[in-house]
């Protein structure tokens, strides 16, 4: 008997897998909508009470007992308080529908509000006080299909604040309404990159080879840190030009910008010779490797220390291809980043006045 083709079997399996994923998503979203409506009912009932504080406390307690008796676990006093807070946060919180145009067919609750993530995501998001920051992480979670652990990691690495530091005042609003938009090479570069997942702080010293190996061992987390559109091409990518051999530490490709992205790793302070070497790598890829319909190559020097003055003087004024970024091996202190943000935008205001 002739055996069935493997492609056919895989295609059938993919349909079932997708159906199960869709069913799981539908159940998660249905619970989020239910919690929103329950939160609304709790808040409105509390407002009708003669003594809000006392009545609200009794209301939550009795409702918890009733729901637990009827529907089992998941309706503790603490959880019902979270559901109430969820409604309070999102009742007046709207994100532009254009951001989620692909989800317009989703149902909406009575307020017209649409939800796109799991309850676990919203439990975390609703605790972000800054509404713009909360919008940013909600948008990015949907766009990039972040799991809860990925969302937590990006929040703990202060992704929002780091992106703010690399943009101008005119683009700040777009982060809260559209998320991170990659339109130019600069948009795809972070400074600093946070590499706490490598586990390097515990080491008294490490080499560039060790740094590279750790990145490859944690490639999935590194791709998450890089951002949208990156795919891995290779490590220690060798090329020969004029009988000399050269090696690029890490090579990626960005599908959105449609260009190669080269990384050179430096554990010490960046020198102008390092920048010159990266310029040569970029020129080689532009002239020899990239296709005619692809965009110019980006080179990123990932270093532990850098002198911005040296970088600016070494690179041409109209540079759009080569960037120097620091990396940190521990999660950032958000207070320090906020101080940097205040300085960043106050400097921008001073420049506008002059």
C-alpha atoms as a PDB file:
ATOM      1  CA  UNK A   1       0.000   0.000   0.000  1.00  0.00           C
ATOM      2  CA  UNK A   2       1.318   3.439  -0.924  1.00  0.00           C
ATOM      3  CA  UNK A   3       2.197   5.539   2.125  1.00  0.00           C
ATOM      4  CA  UNK A   4       0.570   8.928   2.715  1.00  0.00           C
ATOM      5  CA  UNK A   5       2.781  11.947   1.975  1.00  0.00           C
ATOM      6  CA  UNK A   6       4.251  13.578   5.079  1.00  0.00           C
ATOM      7  CA  UNK A   7       3.343  17.068   3.855  1.00  0.00           C
ATOM      8  CA  UNK A   8      -0.317  16.079   3.791  1.00  0.00           C
ATOM      9  CA  UNK A   9      -0.143  14.753   7.350  1.00  0.00           C
ATOM     10  CA  UNK A  10       1.621  17.907   8.548  1.00  0.00           C
ATOM     11  CA  UNK A  11      -0.921  20.192   6.845  1.00  0.00           C
ATOM     12  CA  UNK A  12      -3.829  18.398   8.515  1.00  0.00           C
ATOM     13  CA  UNK A  13      -2.033  18.579  11.865  1.00  0.00           C
ATOM     14  CA  UNK A  14      -1.411  22.316  11.381  1.00  0.00           C
ATOM     15  CA  UNK A  15      -5.131  22.920  10.860  1.00  0.00           C
ATOM     16  CA  UNK A  16      -5.981  21.174  14.126  1.00  0.00           C
ATOM     17  CA  UNK A  17      -3.192  22.967  15.969  1.00  0.00           C
ATOM     18  CA  UNK A  18      -4.429  26.340  14.718  1.00  0.00           C
ATOM     19  CA  UNK A  19      -8.017  25.469  15.648  1.00  0.00           C
ATOM     20  CA  UNK A  20      -6.942  24.593  19.194  1.00  0.00           C
ATOM     21  CA  UNK A  21      -4.953  27.810  19.493  1.00  0.00           C
ATOM     22  CA  UNK A  22      -7.939  29.809  18.252  1.00  0.00           C
ATOM     23  CA  UNK A  23     -10.220  28.066  20.736  1.00  0.00           C
ATOM     24  CA  UNK A  24      -7.817  28.807  23.580  1.00  0.00           C
ATOM     25  CA  UNK A  25      -7.586  32.463  22.525  1.00  0.00           C
ATOM     26  CA  UNK A  26     -11.362  32.712  22.291  1.00  0.00           C
ATOM     27  CA  UNK A  27     -11.793  31.302  25.809  1.00  0.00           C
ATOM     28  CA  UNK A  28      -9.167  33.691  27.230  1.00  0.00           C
ATOM     29  CA  UNK A  29     -10.769  36.722  25.605  1.00  0.00           C
ATOM     30  CA  UNK A  30     -14.250  35.640  26.738  1.00  0.00           C
ATOM     31  CA  UNK A  31     -13.020  35.563  30.343  1.00  0.00           C
ATOM     32  CA  UNK A  32     -11.471  39.035  29.982  1.00  0.00           C
ATOM     33  CA  UNK A  33     -14.771  40.416  28.700  1.00  0.00           C
ATOM     34  CA  UNK A  34     -16.627  38.660  31.534  1.00  0.00           C
ATOM     35  CA  UNK A  35     -14.264  40.123  34.145  1.00  0.00           C
ATOM     36  CA  UNK A  36     -14.704  43.601  32.689  1.00  0.00           C
ATOM     37  CA  UNK A  37     -18.492  43.308  32.950  1.00  0.00           C
ATOM     38  CA  UNK A  38     -18.287  41.870  36.469  1.00  0.00           C
ATOM     39  CA  UNK A  39     -16.000  44.756  37.452  1.00  0.00           C
ATOM     40  CA  UNK A  40     -18.497  47.242  36.022  1.00  0.00           C
ATOM     41  CA  UNK A  41     -21.356  45.636  37.964  1.00  0.00           C
ATOM     42  CA  UNK A  42     -19.360  45.667  41.214  1.00  0.00           C
ATOM     43  CA  UNK A  43     -18.418  49.342  40.839  1.00  0.00           C
ATOM     44  CA  UNK A  44     -21.973  50.399  39.953  1.00  0.00           C
ATOM     45  CA  UNK A  45     -23.443  48.391  42.835  1.00  0.00           C
ATOM     46  CA  UNK A  46     -20.916  49.927  45.251  1.00  0.00           C
ATOM     47  CA  UNK A  47     -21.874  53.407  44.070  1.00  0.00           C
ATOM     48  CA  UNK A  48     -25.512  52.647  44.866  1.00  0.00           C
ATOM     49  CA  UNK A  49     -24.677  51.659  48.456  1.00  0.00           C
ATOM     50  CA  UNK A  50     -25.457  54.084  51.272  1.00  0.00           C
ATOM     51  CA  UNK A  51     -22.044  53.619  52.898  1.00  0.00           C
ATOM     52  CA  UNK A  52     -19.644  52.877  50.053  1.00  0.00           C
ATOM     53  CA  UNK A  53     -16.667  51.637  52.060  1.00  0.00           C
ATOM     54  CA  UNK A  54     -18.617  49.341  54.384  1.00  0.00           C
ATOM     55  CA  UNK A  55     -21.052  48.163  51.722  1.00  0.00           C
ATOM     56  CA  UNK A  56     -18.280  47.576  49.181  1.00  0.00           C
ATOM     57  CA  UNK A  57     -16.365  45.379  51.607  1.00  0.00           C
ATOM     58  CA  UNK A  58     -19.448  43.305  52.369  1.00  0.00           C
ATOM     59  CA  UNK A  59     -20.385  43.143  48.679  1.00  0.00           C
ATOM     60  CA  UNK A  60     -17.008  41.701  47.642  1.00  0.00           C
ATOM     61  CA  UNK A  61     -17.079  39.174  50.518  1.00  0.00           C
ATOM     62  CA  UNK A  62     -20.594  37.871  49.778  1.00  0.00           C
ATOM     63  CA  UNK A  63     -20.003  37.805  46.017  1.00  0.00           C
ATOM     64  CA  UNK A  64     -16.801  35.806  46.549  1.00  0.00           C
ATOM     65  CA  UNK A  65     -18.633  33.244  48.665  1.00  0.00           C
ATOM     66  CA  UNK A  66     -21.483  32.942  46.139  1.00  0.00           C
ATOM     67  CA  UNK A  67     -19.270  32.588  43.040  1.00  0.00           C
ATOM     68  CA  UNK A  68     -16.930  30.131  44.752  1.00  0.00           C
ATOM     69  CA  UNK A  69     -19.906  27.999  45.786  1.00  0.00           C
ATOM     70  CA  UNK A  70     -21.427  28.116  42.289  1.00  0.00           C
ATOM     71  CA  UNK A  71     -18.337  28.078  40.048  1.00  0.00           C
ATOM     72  CA  UNK A  72     -15.397  26.858  42.123  1.00  0.00           C
ATOM     73  CA  UNK A  73     -11.961  28.421  42.571  1.00  0.00           C
ATOM     74  CA  UNK A  74     -10.817  31.721  41.067  1.00  0.00           C
ATOM     75  CA  UNK A  75     -13.213  34.106  42.805  1.00  0.00           C
ATOM     76  CA  UNK A  76     -11.441  34.952  46.037  1.00  0.00           C
ATOM     77  CA  UNK A  77     -11.822  38.394  47.597  1.00  0.00           C
ATOM     78  CA  UNK A  78      -8.389  39.316  46.225  1.00  0.00           C
ATOM     79  CA  UNK A  79      -9.292  38.251  42.683  1.00  0.00           C
ATOM     80  CA  UNK A  80     -12.577  40.146  42.764  1.00  0.00           C
ATOM     81  CA  UNK A  81     -10.702  43.256  43.879  1.00  0.00           C
ATOM     82  CA  UNK A  82      -8.427  42.797  40.860  1.00  0.00           C
ATOM     83  CA  UNK A  83     -11.480  42.496  38.607  1.00  0.00           C
ATOM     84  CA  UNK A  84     -12.920  45.686  40.068  1.00  0.00           C
ATOM     85  CA  UNK A  85      -9.605  47.501  39.582  1.00  0.00           C
ATOM     86  CA  UNK A  86      -9.397  46.177  36.009  1.00  0.00           C
ATOM     87  CA  UNK A  87     -12.693  47.868  35.183  1.00  0.00           C
ATOM     88  CA  UNK A  88     -11.672  51.121  36.877  1.00  0.00           C
ATOM     89  CA  UNK A  89      -8.433  51.281  34.898  1.00  0.00           C
ATOM     90  CA  UNK A  90      -9.835  50.384  31.501  1.00  0.00           C
ATOM     91  CA  UNK A  91     -13.306  51.953  31.648  1.00  0.00           C
ATOM     92  CA  UNK A  92     -11.861  55.293  30.522  1.00  0.00           C
ATOM     93  CA  UNK A  93      -8.780  53.911  28.793  1.00  0.00           C
ATOM     94  CA  UNK A  94      -9.087  53.717  25.015  1.00  0.00           C
ATOM     95  CA  UNK A  95      -6.412  52.860  22.455  1.00  0.00           C
ATOM     96  CA  UNK A  96      -6.868  54.024  18.854  1.00  0.00           C
ATOM     97  CA  UNK A  97      -8.673  51.339  16.873  1.00  0.00           C
ATOM     98  CA  UNK A  98      -6.353  51.914  13.894  1.00  0.00           C
ATOM     99  CA  UNK A  99      -3.582  50.178  15.806  1.00  0.00           C
ATOM    100  CA  UNK A 100      -5.579  46.966  15.958  1.00  0.00           C
ATOM    101  CA  UNK A 101      -7.369  47.179  12.601  1.00  0.00           C
ATOM    102  CA  UNK A 102      -6.720  43.478  12.036  1.00  0.00           C
ATOM    103  CA  UNK A 103      -8.843  42.703  15.094  1.00  0.00           C
ATOM    104  CA  UNK A 104     -11.910  44.789  14.197  1.00  0.00           C
ATOM    105  CA  UNK A 105     -14.081  41.693  13.976  1.00  0.00           C
ATOM    106  CA  UNK A 106     -13.607  40.980  17.671  1.00  0.00           C
ATOM    107  CA  UNK A 107     -16.684  41.663  19.818  1.00  0.00           C
ATOM    108  CA  UNK A 108     -16.779  44.670  22.104  1.00  0.00           C
ATOM    109  CA  UNK A 109     -18.171  45.117  25.592  1.00  0.00           C
ATOM    110  CA  UNK A 110     -20.960  47.596  26.295  1.00  0.00           C
ATOM    111  CA  UNK A 111     -18.556  50.544  26.395  1.00  0.00           C
ATOM    112  CA  UNK A 112     -17.243  49.729  22.921  1.00  0.00           C
ATOM    113  CA  UNK A 113     -13.931  48.626  24.422  1.00  0.00           C
ATOM    114  CA  UNK A 114     -12.102  45.754  22.709  1.00  0.00           C
ATOM    115  CA  UNK A 115      -9.577  43.520  24.449  1.00  0.00           C
ATOM    116  CA  UNK A 116      -6.797  41.584  22.744  1.00  0.00           C
ATOM    117  CA  UNK A 117      -4.735  39.884  25.468  1.00  0.00           C
ATOM    118  CA  UNK A 118      -5.163  37.298  28.197  1.00  0.00           C
ATOM    119  CA  UNK A 119      -6.300  38.089  31.732  1.00  0.00           C
ATOM    120  CA  UNK A 120      -2.750  37.428  32.977  1.00  0.00           C
ATOM    121  CA  UNK A 121      -1.438  40.145  30.651  1.00  0.00           C
ATOM    122  CA  UNK A 122      -3.999  42.657  31.883  1.00  0.00           C
ATOM    123  CA  UNK A 123      -3.281  41.846  35.532  1.00  0.00           C
ATOM    124  CA  UNK A 124       0.203  43.176  34.913  1.00  0.00           C
ATOM    125  CA  UNK A 125      -0.673  45.992  32.509  1.00  0.00           C
ATOM    126  CA  UNK A 126      -3.272  47.579  34.791  1.00  0.00           C
ATOM    127  CA  UNK A 127      -0.566  48.109  37.435  1.00  0.00           C
ATOM    128  CA  UNK A 128       1.417  50.420  35.126  1.00  0.00           C
ATOM    129  CA  UNK A 129       0.476  53.912  36.311  1.00  0.00           C
ATOM    130  CA  UNK A 130       1.717  55.877  33.289  1.00  0.00           C
ATOM    131  CA  UNK A 131      -1.103  55.536  30.751  1.00  0.00           C
ATOM    132  CA  UNK A 132       1.237  56.100  27.776  1.00  0.00           C
ATOM    133  CA  UNK A 133       3.614  53.431  29.002  1.00  0.00           C
ATOM    134  CA  UNK A 134       0.705  51.057  29.569  1.00  0.00           C
ATOM    135  CA  UNK A 135      -0.587  51.672  26.040  1.00  0.00           C
ATOM    136  CA  UNK A 136       2.865  51.024  24.609  1.00  0.00           C
ATOM    137  CA  UNK A 137       3.237  47.622  26.275  1.00  0.00           C
ATOM    138  CA  UNK A 138      -0.325  46.642  25.372  1.00  0.00           C
ATOM    139  CA  UNK A 139       0.259  47.491  21.703  1.00  0.00           C
ATOM    140  CA  UNK A 140       3.638  45.762  21.554  1.00  0.00           C
ATOM    141  CA  UNK A 141       2.270  42.641  23.273  1.00  0.00           C
ATOM    142  CA  UNK A 142      -0.421  42.319  20.614  1.00  0.00           C
ATOM    143  CA  UNK A 143       1.803  43.183  17.648  1.00  0.00           C
ATOM    144  CA  UNK A 144       4.578  40.794  18.666  1.00  0.00           C
ATOM    145  CA  UNK A 145       2.431  38.102  20.321  1.00  0.00           C
ATOM    146  CA  UNK A 146       4.376  38.406  23.578  1.00  0.00           C
ATOM    147  CA  UNK A 147       3.778  35.789  26.218  1.00  0.00           C
ATOM    148  CA  UNK A 148       3.321  37.013  29.789  1.00  0.00           C
ATOM    149  CA  UNK A 149       6.958  36.208  30.596  1.00  0.00           C
ATOM    150  CA  UNK A 150       8.119  38.142  27.516  1.00  0.00           C
ATOM    151  CA  UNK A 151       5.978  41.127  28.509  1.00  0.00           C
ATOM    152  CA  UNK A 152       7.421  41.059  32.037  1.00  0.00           C
ATOM    153  CA  UNK A 153      10.935  40.851  30.688  1.00  0.00           C
ATOM    154  CA  UNK A 154      10.474  43.839  28.364  1.00  0.00           C
ATOM    155  CA  UNK A 155       8.869  45.876  31.143  1.00  0.00           C
ATOM    156  CA  UNK A 156      11.621  45.004  33.634  1.00  0.00           C
ATOM    157  CA  UNK A 157      14.248  45.939  31.051  1.00  0.00           C
ATOM    158  CA  UNK A 158      12.589  49.393  30.744  1.00  0.00           C
ATOM    159  CA  UNK A 159      12.059  49.036  27.002  1.00  0.00           C
ATOM    160  CA  UNK A 160       9.658  52.000  26.895  1.00  0.00           C
ATOM    161  CA  UNK A 161      12.095  54.356  28.638  1.00  0.00           C
ATOM    162  CA  UNK A 162      15.005  53.181  26.486  1.00  0.00           C
ATOM    163  CA  UNK A 163      13.072  53.862  23.306  1.00  0.00           C
ATOM    164  CA  UNK A 164      12.068  57.284  24.595  1.00  0.00           C
ATOM    165  CA  UNK A 165      15.734  58.120  25.103  1.00  0.00           C
ATOM    166  CA  UNK A 166      16.451  57.349  21.465  1.00  0.00           C
ATOM    167  CA  UNK A 167      13.622  59.398  19.962  1.00  0.00           C
ATOM    168  CA  UNK A 168      12.543  63.037  19.748  1.00  0.00           C
ATOM    169  CA  UNK A 169       9.570  64.791  21.286  1.00  0.00           C
ATOM    170  CA  UNK A 170       7.493  64.552  18.119  1.00  0.00           C
ATOM    171  CA  UNK A 171       7.651  60.748  18.159  1.00  0.00           C
ATOM    172  CA  UNK A 172       6.925  60.249  21.853  1.00  0.00           C
ATOM    173  CA  UNK A 173       3.164  60.237  21.301  1.00  0.00           C
ATOM    174  CA  UNK A 174       3.461  57.625  18.556  1.00  0.00           C
ATOM    175  CA  UNK A 175       4.949  55.112  21.032  1.00  0.00           C
ATOM    176  CA  UNK A 176       1.735  55.258  23.046  1.00  0.00           C
ATOM    177  CA  UNK A 177      -0.573  55.105  20.019  1.00  0.00           C
ATOM    178  CA  UNK A 178       1.291  52.919  17.528  1.00  0.00           C
ATOM    179  CA  UNK A 179       4.051  51.187  19.478  1.00  0.00           C
ATOM    180  CA  UNK A 180       7.582  50.923  18.131  1.00  0.00           C
ATOM    181  CA  UNK A 181       7.592  51.723  14.401  1.00  0.00           C
ATOM    182  CA  UNK A 182      10.631  50.673  12.371  1.00  0.00           C
ATOM    183  CA  UNK A 183      10.981  52.958   9.358  1.00  0.00           C
ATOM    184  CA  UNK A 184      14.719  53.698   9.343  1.00  0.00           C
ATOM    185  CA  UNK A 185      17.922  52.020  10.576  1.00  0.00           C
ATOM    186  CA  UNK A 186      17.967  54.225  13.677  1.00  0.00           C
ATOM    187  CA  UNK A 187      14.551  52.867  14.689  1.00  0.00           C
ATOM    188  CA  UNK A 188      15.963  49.336  14.844  1.00  0.00           C
ATOM    189  CA  UNK A 189      18.834  50.234  17.202  1.00  0.00           C
ATOM    190  CA  UNK A 190      18.647  50.434  21.003  1.00  0.00           C
ATOM    191  CA  UNK A 191      21.091  52.125  23.344  1.00  0.00           C
ATOM    192  CA  UNK A 192      21.629  50.471  25.717  1.00  0.00           C
ATOM    193  CA  UNK A 193      20.841  46.830  25.041  1.00  0.00           C
ATOM    194  CA  UNK A 194      19.930  44.924  28.205  1.00  0.00           C
ATOM    195  CA  UNK A 195      21.463  41.439  28.334  1.00  0.00           C
ATOM    196  CA  UNK A 196      20.669  40.355  31.890  1.00  0.00           C
ATOM    197  CA  UNK A 197      19.561  36.936  30.605  1.00  0.00           C
ATOM    198  CA  UNK A 198      23.176  36.041  29.763  1.00  0.00           C
ATOM    199  CA  UNK A 199      24.038  35.589  33.442  1.00  0.00           C
ATOM    200  CA  UNK A 200      27.348  37.420  33.111  1.00  0.00           C
ATOM    201  CA  UNK A 201      27.324  39.666  36.235  1.00  0.00           C
ATOM    202  CA  UNK A 202      28.371  36.718  38.406  1.00  0.00           C
ATOM    203  CA  UNK A 203      31.566  36.282  36.404  1.00  0.00           C
ATOM    204  CA  UNK A 204      34.612  38.301  37.521  1.00  0.00           C
ATOM    205  CA  UNK A 205      35.697  38.603  33.897  1.00  0.00           C
ATOM    206  CA  UNK A 206      34.739  37.249  30.518  1.00  0.00           C
ATOM    207  CA  UNK A 207      36.031  37.359  26.959  1.00  0.00           C
ATOM    208  CA  UNK A 208      34.350  38.528  23.765  1.00  0.00           C
ATOM    209  CA  UNK A 209      34.162  34.863  22.765  1.00  0.00           C
ATOM    210  CA  UNK A 210      32.315  34.068  26.016  1.00  0.00           C
ATOM    211  CA  UNK A 211      29.925  36.964  25.410  1.00  0.00           C
ATOM    212  CA  UNK A 212      29.216  35.705  21.894  1.00  0.00           C
ATOM    213  CA  UNK A 213      28.677  32.133  23.083  1.00  0.00           C
ATOM    214  CA  UNK A 214      26.254  33.284  25.781  1.00  0.00           C
ATOM    215  CA  UNK A 215      24.265  35.239  23.193  1.00  0.00           C
ATOM    216  CA  UNK A 216      23.998  32.191  20.942  1.00  0.00           C
ATOM    217  CA  UNK A 217      22.986  30.029  23.906  1.00  0.00           C
ATOM    218  CA  UNK A 218      20.209  32.541  24.664  1.00  0.00           C
ATOM    219  CA  UNK A 219      19.372  33.410  21.079  1.00  0.00           C
ATOM    220  CA  UNK A 220      15.607  33.510  21.621  1.00  0.00           C
ATOM    221  CA  UNK A 221      15.947  36.081  24.419  1.00  0.00           C
ATOM    222  CA  UNK A 222      18.475  38.061  22.379  1.00  0.00           C
ATOM    223  CA  UNK A 223      16.068  38.201  19.414  1.00  0.00           C
ATOM    224  CA  UNK A 224      13.374  39.465  21.796  1.00  0.00           C
ATOM    225  CA  UNK A 225      15.739  42.200  22.952  1.00  0.00           C
ATOM    226  CA  UNK A 226      16.640  43.128  19.356  1.00  0.00           C
ATOM    227  CA  UNK A 227      12.987  43.751  18.533  1.00  0.00           C
ATOM    228  CA  UNK A 228      10.625  43.200  15.632  1.00  0.00           C
ATOM    229  CA  UNK A 229      11.708  41.664  12.340  1.00  0.00           C
ATOM    230  CA  UNK A 230      15.112  40.206  13.219  1.00  0.00           C
ATOM    231  CA  UNK A 231      16.187  36.763  12.025  1.00  0.00           C
ATOM    232  CA  UNK A 232      19.500  35.064  12.802  1.00  0.00           C
ATOM    233  CA  UNK A 233      21.913  34.421   9.923  1.00  0.00           C
ATOM    234  CA  UNK A 234      25.127  33.227  11.546  1.00  0.00           C
ATOM    235  CA  UNK A 235      27.999  33.667  14.005  1.00  0.00           C
ATOM    236  CA  UNK A 236      31.680  34.151  13.145  1.00  0.00           C
ATOM    237  CA  UNK A 237      30.691  34.700   9.524  1.00  0.00           C
ATOM    238  CA  UNK A 238      33.878  34.654   7.496  1.00  0.00           C
ATOM    239  CA  UNK A 239      34.632  36.437   4.249  1.00  0.00           C
ATOM    240  CA  UNK A 240      37.804  36.922   2.247  1.00  0.00           C
ATOM    241  CA  UNK A 241      38.751  40.077   0.397  1.00  0.00           C
ATOM    242  CA  UNK A 242      42.024  40.694  -1.416  1.00  0.00           C
ATOM    243  CA  UNK A 243      43.439  37.468   0.113  1.00  0.00           C
ATOM    244  CA  UNK A 244      42.745  38.675   3.662  1.00  0.00           C
ATOM    245  CA  UNK A 245      40.295  36.870   5.941  1.00  0.00           C
ATOM    246  CA  UNK A 246      37.760  38.723   8.091  1.00  0.00           C
ATOM    247  CA  UNK A 247      35.115  37.529  10.539  1.00  0.00           C
ATOM    248  CA  UNK A 248      31.853  39.218  11.580  1.00  0.00           C
ATOM    249  CA  UNK A 249      30.846  38.207  15.110  1.00  0.00           C
ATOM    250  CA  UNK A 250      27.084  38.008  14.533  1.00  0.00           C
ATOM    251  CA  UNK A 251      24.987  38.513  11.393  1.00  0.00           C
ATOM    252  CA  UNK A 252      21.220  39.086  11.419  1.00  0.00           C
ATOM    253  CA  UNK A 253      18.674  40.142   8.829  1.00  0.00           C
ATOM    254  CA  UNK A 254      15.787  42.523   9.466  1.00  0.00           C
ATOM    255  CA  UNK A 255      12.737  41.609   7.389  1.00  0.00           C
ATOM    256  CA  UNK A 256      11.060  44.989   7.884  1.00  0.00           C
ATOM    257  CA  UNK A 257      14.022  47.106   6.810  1.00  0.00           C
ATOM    258  CA  UNK A 258      15.078  44.388   4.335  1.00  0.00           C
ATOM    259  CA  UNK A 259      18.762  44.619   5.163  1.00  0.00           C
ATOM    260  CA  UNK A 260      21.600  42.766   6.868  1.00  0.00           C
ATOM    261  CA  UNK A 261      22.487  43.818  10.426  1.00  0.00           C
ATOM    262  CA  UNK A 262      26.058  43.111  11.543  1.00  0.00           C
ATOM    263  CA  UNK A 263      27.141  42.989  15.191  1.00  0.00           C
ATOM    264  CA  UNK A 264      30.711  43.348  16.440  1.00  0.00           C
ATOM    265  CA  UNK A 265      31.165  42.640  20.161  1.00  0.00           C
ATOM    266  CA  UNK A 266      33.573  44.642  22.344  1.00  0.00           C
ATOM    267  CA  UNK A 267      33.909  43.983  26.075  1.00  0.00           C
ATOM    268  CA  UNK A 268      36.184  46.976  26.623  1.00  0.00           C
ATOM    269  CA  UNK A 269      35.968  50.611  25.598  1.00  0.00           C
ATOM    270  CA  UNK A 270      35.209  51.256  21.951  1.00  0.00           C
ATOM    271  CA  UNK A 271      38.101  52.617  19.875  1.00  0.00           C
ATOM    272  CA  UNK A 272      38.057  54.464  16.565  1.00  0.00           C
ATOM    273  CA  UNK A 273      39.821  51.481  14.947  1.00  0.00           C
ATOM    274  CA  UNK A 274      36.817  49.326  15.855  1.00  0.00           C
ATOM    275  CA  UNK A 275      34.514  51.756  14.091  1.00  0.00           C
ATOM    276  CA  UNK A 276      36.739  51.741  11.005  1.00  0.00           C
ATOM    277  CA  UNK A 277      36.679  47.947  10.945  1.00  0.00           C
ATOM    278  CA  UNK A 278      32.871  47.926  11.084  1.00  0.00           C
ATOM    279  CA  UNK A 279      32.763  50.446   8.232  1.00  0.00           C
ATOM    280  CA  UNK A 280      34.751  47.989   6.128  1.00  0.00           C
ATOM    281  CA  UNK A 281      32.391  45.115   7.032  1.00  0.00           C
ATOM    282  CA  UNK A 282      29.371  47.201   6.054  1.00  0.00           C
ATOM    283  CA  UNK A 283      30.950  48.268   2.758  1.00  0.00           C
ATOM    284  CA  UNK A 284      31.732  44.642   1.914  1.00  0.00           C
ATOM    285  CA  UNK A 285      28.171  43.498   2.554  1.00  0.00           C
ATOM    286  CA  UNK A 286      26.759  46.419   0.572  1.00  0.00           C
ATOM    287  CA  UNK A 287      29.003  45.831  -2.428  1.00  0.00           C
ATOM    288  CA  UNK A 288      29.361  42.049  -2.454  1.00  0.00           C
ATOM    289  CA  UNK A 289      26.632  40.328  -0.426  1.00  0.00           C
ATOM    290  CA  UNK A 290      23.356  42.251  -0.517  1.00  0.00           C
ATOM    291  CA  UNK A 291      20.993  41.974  -3.465  1.00  0.00           C
ATOM    292  CA  UNK A 292      20.117  44.955  -5.643  1.00  0.00           C
ATOM    293  CA  UNK A 293      16.602  45.282  -4.205  1.00  0.00           C
ATOM    294  CA  UNK A 294      17.799  45.102  -0.585  1.00  0.00           C
ATOM    295  CA  UNK A 295      18.557  48.155   1.541  1.00  0.00           C
ATOM    296  CA  UNK A 296      22.000  49.243   2.827  1.00  0.00           C
ATOM    297  CA  UNK A 297      23.582  47.152   5.581  1.00  0.00           C
ATOM    298  CA  UNK A 298      23.477  48.268   9.223  1.00  0.00           C
ATOM    299  CA  UNK A 299      26.490  47.807  11.499  1.00  0.00           C
ATOM    300  CA  UNK A 300      26.149  47.853  15.295  1.00  0.00           C
ATOM    301  CA  UNK A 301      29.158  47.933  17.607  1.00  0.00           C
ATOM    302  CA  UNK A 302      27.964  46.432  20.884  1.00  0.00           C
ATOM    303  CA  UNK A 303      30.354  47.601  23.593  1.00  0.00           C
ATOM    304  CA  UNK A 304      30.564  47.814  27.363  1.00  0.00           C
ATOM    305  CA  UNK A 305      31.968  51.351  27.276  1.00  0.00           C
ATOM    306  CA  UNK A 306      32.022  54.091  24.677  1.00  0.00           C
ATOM    307  CA  UNK A 307      33.051  57.691  24.251  1.00  0.00           C
ATOM    308  CA  UNK A 308      30.317  59.445  22.289  1.00  0.00           C
ATOM    309  CA  UNK A 309      32.708  62.152  21.134  1.00  0.00           C
ATOM    310  CA  UNK A 310      35.031  59.579  19.554  1.00  0.00           C
ATOM    311  CA  UNK A 311      32.084  57.891  17.848  1.00  0.00           C
ATOM    312  CA  UNK A 312      30.720  61.166  16.457  1.00  0.00           C
ATOM    313  CA  UNK A 313      34.124  62.317  15.204  1.00  0.00           C
ATOM    314  CA  UNK A 314      34.934  58.986  13.541  1.00  0.00           C
ATOM    315  CA  UNK A 315      31.627  58.576  11.707  1.00  0.00           C
ATOM    316  CA  UNK A 316      30.483  60.910   8.898  1.00  0.00           C
ATOM    317  CA  UNK A 317      27.909  63.561   9.830  1.00  0.00           C
ATOM    318  CA  UNK A 318      25.274  62.038   7.571  1.00  0.00           C
ATOM    319  CA  UNK A 319      25.821  58.519   8.934  1.00  0.00           C
ATOM    320  CA  UNK A 320      22.736  56.284   8.784  1.00  0.00           C
ATOM    321  CA  UNK A 321      24.357  52.852   8.756  1.00  0.00           C
ATOM    322  CA  UNK A 322      26.793  52.428  11.653  1.00  0.00           C
ATOM    323  CA  UNK A 323      25.847  52.689  15.321  1.00  0.00           C
ATOM    324  CA  UNK A 324      27.609  52.220  18.642  1.00  0.00           C
ATOM    325  CA  UNK A 325      25.477  50.941  21.520  1.00  0.00           C
ATOM    326  CA  UNK A 326      26.325  50.001  25.070  1.00  0.00           C
ATOM    327  CA  UNK A 327      25.178  46.764  26.606  1.00  0.00           C
ATOM    328  CA  UNK A 328      24.273  46.206  30.240  1.00  0.00           C
ATOM    329  CA  UNK A 329      24.334  42.817  31.969  1.00  0.00           C
ATOM    330  CA  UNK A 330      21.885  43.789  34.719  1.00  0.00           C
ATOM    331  CA  UNK A 331      18.354  45.181  34.613  1.00  0.00           C
ATOM    332  CA  UNK A 332      18.329  48.992  34.634  1.00  0.00           C
ATOM    333  CA  UNK A 333      17.310  51.224  37.499  1.00  0.00           C
ATOM    334  CA  UNK A 334      14.157  52.923  36.212  1.00  0.00           C
ATOM    335  CA  UNK A 335      14.696  55.961  38.438  1.00  0.00           C
ATOM    336  CA  UNK A 336      18.046  56.583  36.781  1.00  0.00           C
ATOM    337  CA  UNK A 337      16.468  56.186  33.346  1.00  0.00           C
ATOM    338  CA  UNK A 338      13.705  58.623  34.289  1.00  0.00           C
ATOM    339  CA  UNK A 339      16.318  61.207  35.313  1.00  0.00           C
ATOM    340  CA  UNK A 340      18.036  60.691  31.965  1.00  0.00           C
ATOM    341  CA  UNK A 341      14.689  61.155  30.221  1.00  0.00           C
ATOM    342  CA  UNK A 342      14.070  64.416  32.068  1.00  0.00           C
ATOM    343  CA  UNK A 343      17.511  65.669  31.004  1.00  0.00           C
ATOM    344  CA  UNK A 344      16.976  64.405  27.440  1.00  0.00           C
ATOM    345  CA  UNK A 345      13.754  66.319  26.905  1.00  0.00           C
ATOM    346  CA  UNK A 346      14.852  69.416  28.789  1.00  0.00           C
ATOM    347  CA  UNK A 347      17.870  69.577  26.474  1.00  0.00           C
ATOM    348  CA  UNK A 348      15.520  69.235  23.499  1.00  0.00           C
ATOM    349  CA  UNK A 349      13.449  72.162  24.750  1.00  0.00           C
ATOM    350  CA  UNK A 350      16.557  74.291  25.172  1.00  0.00           C
ATOM    351  CA  UNK A 351      17.628  73.500  21.602  1.00  0.00           C
ATOM    352  CA  UNK A 352      14.209  74.566  20.334  1.00  0.00           C
ATOM    353  CA  UNK A 353      14.495  77.918  22.149  1.00  0.00           C
ATOM    354  CA  UNK A 354      17.911  78.624  20.653  1.00  0.00           C
END
